[in-house]
Amino acid sequence: MSAINRTIVVSEDSRYLTQRVTDLLEAMEGQMQIGPSRVTFNHVVRLTPGTAPVSPLNGDIYYDEATHKLRLRANGAWVDLN
């Protein structure tokens, strides 16, 4: 069973946004679980190629569009994972 929290705080004129978020969460039901210490995906996770975050934190992951490598921030430095 999914542990997705379906509560979202939005402005009073946001019925459309609220419905879209609800639709998205329903479509993801069974595809993703959010727990206290991890997010689990039951299928493929695709990262869009990009550049390193401006203010990275240890544990950040991105796919570098220039080097075509998956990178992880660890101990204050970027590490290539492939």
N, C-alpha and C. Protein backbone atom coordinates (compact mmCIF):
# COMPACT_ATOMS: atom_id res chain seq x y z
N MET A 1 0.84 -1.18 0.00
CA MET A 1 0.00 0.00 0.00
C MET A 1 0.88 1.24 0.00
N SER A 2 0.50 2.23 -0.76
CA SER A 2 1.25 3.47 -0.88
C SER A 2 1.16 4.30 0.38
N ALA A 3 2.26 4.98 0.70
CA ALA A 3 2.28 5.85 1.87
C ALA A 3 2.29 7.32 1.44
N ILE A 4 1.71 7.62 0.29
CA ILE A 4 1.69 9.00 -0.21
C ILE A 4 0.69 9.81 0.60
N ASN A 5 1.13 10.96 1.09
CA ASN A 5 0.25 11.86 1.82
C ASN A 5 -0.51 12.69 0.80
N ARG A 6 -1.82 12.63 0.82
CA ARG A 6 -2.64 13.31 -0.17
C ARG A 6 -3.09 14.69 0.28
N THR A 7 -2.48 15.25 1.29
CA THR A 7 -2.86 16.57 1.76
C THR A 7 -1.94 17.60 1.12
N ILE A 8 -2.54 18.68 0.57
CA ILE A 8 -1.76 19.74 -0.04
C ILE A 8 -2.42 21.07 0.32
N VAL A 9 -1.61 22.05 0.67
CA VAL A 9 -2.14 23.37 1.01
C VAL A 9 -2.06 24.24 -0.24
N VAL A 10 -3.21 24.77 -0.67
CA VAL A 10 -3.27 25.60 -1.87
C VAL A 10 -4.24 26.75 -1.64
N SER A 11 -4.19 27.74 -2.53
CA SER A 11 -5.08 28.89 -2.39
C SER A 11 -6.51 28.48 -2.72
N GLU A 12 -7.47 29.35 -2.37
CA GLU A 12 -8.89 29.04 -2.56
C GLU A 12 -9.29 28.95 -4.03
N ASP A 13 -8.52 29.53 -4.94
CA ASP A 13 -8.84 29.51 -6.36
C ASP A 13 -8.12 28.38 -7.09
N SER A 14 -7.82 27.33 -6.39
CA SER A 14 -6.95 26.31 -6.98
C SER A 14 -7.62 24.96 -7.16
N ARG A 15 -8.91 24.92 -7.40
CA ARG A 15 -9.59 23.64 -7.58
C ARG A 15 -8.98 22.84 -8.73
N TYR A 16 -8.62 23.52 -9.81
CA TYR A 16 -8.03 22.84 -10.96
C TYR A 16 -6.70 22.20 -10.57
N LEU A 17 -5.83 22.96 -9.90
CA LEU A 17 -4.54 22.43 -9.47
C LEU A 17 -4.74 21.27 -8.51
N THR A 18 -5.65 21.42 -7.58
CA THR A 18 -5.91 20.35 -6.62
C THR A 18 -6.34 19.07 -7.33
N GLN A 19 -7.20 19.20 -8.34
CA GLN A 19 -7.65 18.03 -9.08
C GLN A 19 -6.50 17.39 -9.84
N ARG A 20 -5.63 18.21 -10.45
CA ARG A 20 -4.49 17.66 -11.19
C ARG A 20 -3.54 16.91 -10.27
N VAL A 21 -3.29 17.46 -9.08
CA VAL A 21 -2.42 16.79 -8.11
C VAL A 21 -3.06 15.49 -7.66
N THR A 22 -4.35 15.51 -7.40
CA THR A 22 -5.06 14.29 -7.02
C THR A 22 -4.97 13.24 -8.12
N ASP A 23 -5.17 13.67 -9.37
CA ASP A 23 -5.05 12.74 -10.51
C ASP A 23 -3.66 12.15 -10.59
N LEU A 24 -2.64 12.98 -10.40
CA LEU A 24 -1.26 12.50 -10.45
C LEU A 24 -1.00 11.48 -9.35
N LEU A 25 -1.41 11.78 -8.14
CA LEU A 25 -1.20 10.85 -7.04
C LEU A 25 -1.93 9.53 -7.26
N GLU A 26 -3.14 9.60 -7.80
CA GLU A 26 -3.88 8.37 -8.09
C GLU A 26 -3.18 7.57 -9.19
N ALA A 27 -2.64 8.24 -10.19
CA ALA A 27 -1.93 7.55 -11.27
C ALA A 27 -0.66 6.88 -10.75
N MET A 28 -0.06 7.46 -9.71
CA MET A 28 1.18 6.93 -9.15
C MET A 28 0.93 5.86 -8.09
N GLU A 29 -0.31 5.65 -7.72
CA GLU A 29 -0.65 4.67 -6.68
C GLU A 29 -0.03 3.32 -7.02
N GLY A 30 0.73 2.79 -6.10
CA GLY A 30 1.39 1.50 -6.31
C GLY A 30 2.70 1.62 -7.05
N GLN A 31 3.02 2.77 -7.61
CA GLN A 31 4.26 2.99 -8.35
C GLN A 31 5.37 3.52 -7.45
N MET A 32 4.97 4.20 -6.35
CA MET A 32 5.94 4.86 -5.50
C MET A 32 5.46 4.81 -4.06
N GLN A 33 6.38 4.55 -3.15
CA GLN A 33 6.07 4.59 -1.73
C GLN A 33 6.99 5.61 -1.08
N ILE A 34 6.43 6.47 -0.23
CA ILE A 34 7.23 7.46 0.48
C ILE A 34 7.18 7.08 1.95
N GLY A 35 8.35 6.75 2.49
CA GLY A 35 8.44 6.38 3.89
C GLY A 35 9.21 7.41 4.67
N PRO A 36 9.44 7.14 5.94
CA PRO A 36 10.14 8.12 6.78
C PRO A 36 11.59 8.35 6.39
N SER A 37 12.22 7.38 5.76
CA SER A 37 13.64 7.55 5.44
C SER A 37 14.00 7.24 4.00
N ARG A 38 13.02 6.91 3.16
CA ARG A 38 13.34 6.61 1.76
C ARG A 38 12.11 6.71 0.89
N VAL A 39 12.36 6.89 -0.41
CA VAL A 39 11.32 6.85 -1.43
C VAL A 39 11.62 5.64 -2.28
N THR A 40 10.64 4.78 -2.48
CA THR A 40 10.83 3.57 -3.27
C THR A 40 9.99 3.66 -4.53
N PHE A 41 10.63 3.43 -5.68
CA PHE A 41 9.94 3.41 -6.96
C PHE A 41 9.87 1.97 -7.43
N ASN A 42 8.73 1.56 -7.94
CA ASN A 42 8.55 0.18 -8.37
C ASN A 42 8.93 -0.03 -9.83
N HIS A 43 9.26 1.04 -10.53
CA HIS A 43 9.63 0.92 -11.94
C HIS A 43 10.82 1.82 -12.22
N VAL A 44 11.04 2.19 -13.42
CA VAL A 44 12.18 3.00 -13.84
C VAL A 44 12.07 4.43 -13.31
N VAL A 45 13.20 4.98 -12.90
CA VAL A 45 13.31 6.39 -12.57
C VAL A 45 14.20 7.01 -13.63
N ARG A 46 13.71 8.02 -14.32
CA ARG A 46 14.48 8.66 -15.38
C ARG A 46 14.87 10.06 -14.95
N LEU A 47 16.17 10.34 -15.00
CA LEU A 47 16.68 11.66 -14.67
C LEU A 47 16.91 12.43 -15.96
N THR A 48 16.37 13.62 -16.06
CA THR A 48 16.60 14.47 -17.22
C THR A 48 18.01 15.03 -17.12
N PRO A 49 18.81 14.91 -18.19
CA PRO A 49 20.18 15.45 -18.14
C PRO A 49 20.18 16.93 -17.80
N GLY A 50 21.17 17.35 -17.02
CA GLY A 50 21.28 18.74 -16.62
C GLY A 50 22.67 19.05 -16.09
N THR A 51 22.75 20.12 -15.34
CA THR A 51 24.02 20.54 -14.74
C THR A 51 23.92 20.40 -13.23
N ALA A 52 25.07 20.46 -12.58
CA ALA A 52 25.11 20.30 -11.12
C ALA A 52 24.31 21.40 -10.43
N PRO A 53 23.64 21.07 -9.34
CA PRO A 53 22.92 22.09 -8.58
C PRO A 53 23.88 23.18 -8.09
N VAL A 54 23.37 24.39 -7.94
CA VAL A 54 24.18 25.52 -7.48
C VAL A 54 24.63 25.33 -6.03
N SER A 55 23.74 24.83 -5.20
CA SER A 55 24.05 24.61 -3.77
C SER A 55 23.82 23.15 -3.43
N PRO A 56 24.71 22.27 -3.88
CA PRO A 56 24.48 20.84 -3.67
C PRO A 56 24.64 20.42 -2.21
N LEU A 57 23.93 19.35 -1.88
CA LEU A 57 24.06 18.73 -0.57
C LEU A 57 24.51 17.29 -0.76
N ASN A 58 25.20 16.74 0.22
CA ASN A 58 25.57 15.34 0.16
C ASN A 58 24.32 14.50 -0.05
N GLY A 59 24.38 13.56 -0.99
CA GLY A 59 23.24 12.71 -1.31
C GLY A 59 22.51 13.15 -2.57
N ASP A 60 22.79 14.37 -3.08
CA ASP A 60 22.18 14.82 -4.33
C ASP A 60 22.68 13.96 -5.48
N ILE A 61 21.80 13.65 -6.42
CA ILE A 61 22.13 12.86 -7.61
C ILE A 61 21.61 13.60 -8.83
N TYR A 62 22.41 13.63 -9.90
CA TYR A 62 21.94 14.18 -11.18
C TYR A 62 22.66 13.49 -12.32
N TYR A 63 22.08 13.58 -13.52
CA TYR A 63 22.71 13.02 -14.72
C TYR A 63 23.30 14.18 -15.50
N ASP A 64 24.64 14.21 -15.63
CA ASP A 64 25.35 15.32 -16.24
C ASP A 64 25.19 15.30 -17.76
N GLU A 65 24.63 16.38 -18.31
CA GLU A 65 24.37 16.44 -19.75
C GLU A 65 25.65 16.55 -20.58
N ALA A 66 26.74 17.06 -20.02
CA ALA A 66 27.99 17.22 -20.77
C ALA A 66 28.82 15.93 -20.78
N THR A 67 28.91 15.27 -19.63
CA THR A 67 29.75 14.08 -19.52
C THR A 67 28.98 12.78 -19.71
N HIS A 68 27.64 12.88 -19.70
CA HIS A 68 26.76 11.70 -19.81
C HIS A 68 27.05 10.70 -18.70
N LYS A 69 27.25 11.23 -17.49
CA LYS A 69 27.51 10.38 -16.34
C LYS A 69 26.53 10.70 -15.22
N LEU A 70 26.17 9.66 -14.48
CA LEU A 70 25.37 9.81 -13.28
C LEU A 70 26.32 10.23 -12.17
N ARG A 71 25.98 11.31 -11.44
CA ARG A 71 26.89 11.84 -10.43
C ARG A 71 26.19 11.92 -9.08
N LEU A 72 26.95 11.68 -8.04
CA LEU A 72 26.47 11.70 -6.66
C LEU A 72 27.33 12.65 -5.85
N ARG A 73 26.69 13.45 -5.00
CA ARG A 73 27.43 14.34 -4.09
C ARG A 73 27.72 13.56 -2.82
N ALA A 74 29.01 13.37 -2.51
CA ALA A 74 29.42 12.62 -1.32
C ALA A 74 30.62 13.29 -0.69
N ASN A 75 30.57 13.50 0.60
CA ASN A 75 31.67 14.14 1.34
C ASN A 75 32.10 15.46 0.73
N GLY A 76 31.11 16.23 0.22
CA GLY A 76 31.40 17.56 -0.32
C GLY A 76 31.95 17.60 -1.72
N ALA A 77 31.96 16.46 -2.42
CA ALA A 77 32.49 16.42 -3.79
C ALA A 77 31.59 15.56 -4.68
N TRP A 78 31.62 15.84 -5.99
CA TRP A 78 30.86 15.03 -6.93
C TRP A 78 31.64 13.77 -7.28
N VAL A 79 30.94 12.64 -7.31
CA VAL A 79 31.52 11.34 -7.64
C VAL A 79 30.75 10.78 -8.84
N ASP A 80 31.48 10.34 -9.88
CA ASP A 80 30.83 9.68 -11.02
C ASP A 80 30.43 8.27 -10.62
N LEU A 81 29.19 7.90 -10.92
CA LEU A 81 28.69 6.57 -10.57
C LEU A 81 28.79 5.58 -11.72
N ASN A 82 29.19 6.05 -12.90
CA ASN A 82 29.35 5.13 -14.03
C ASN A 82 30.49 5.56 -14.90
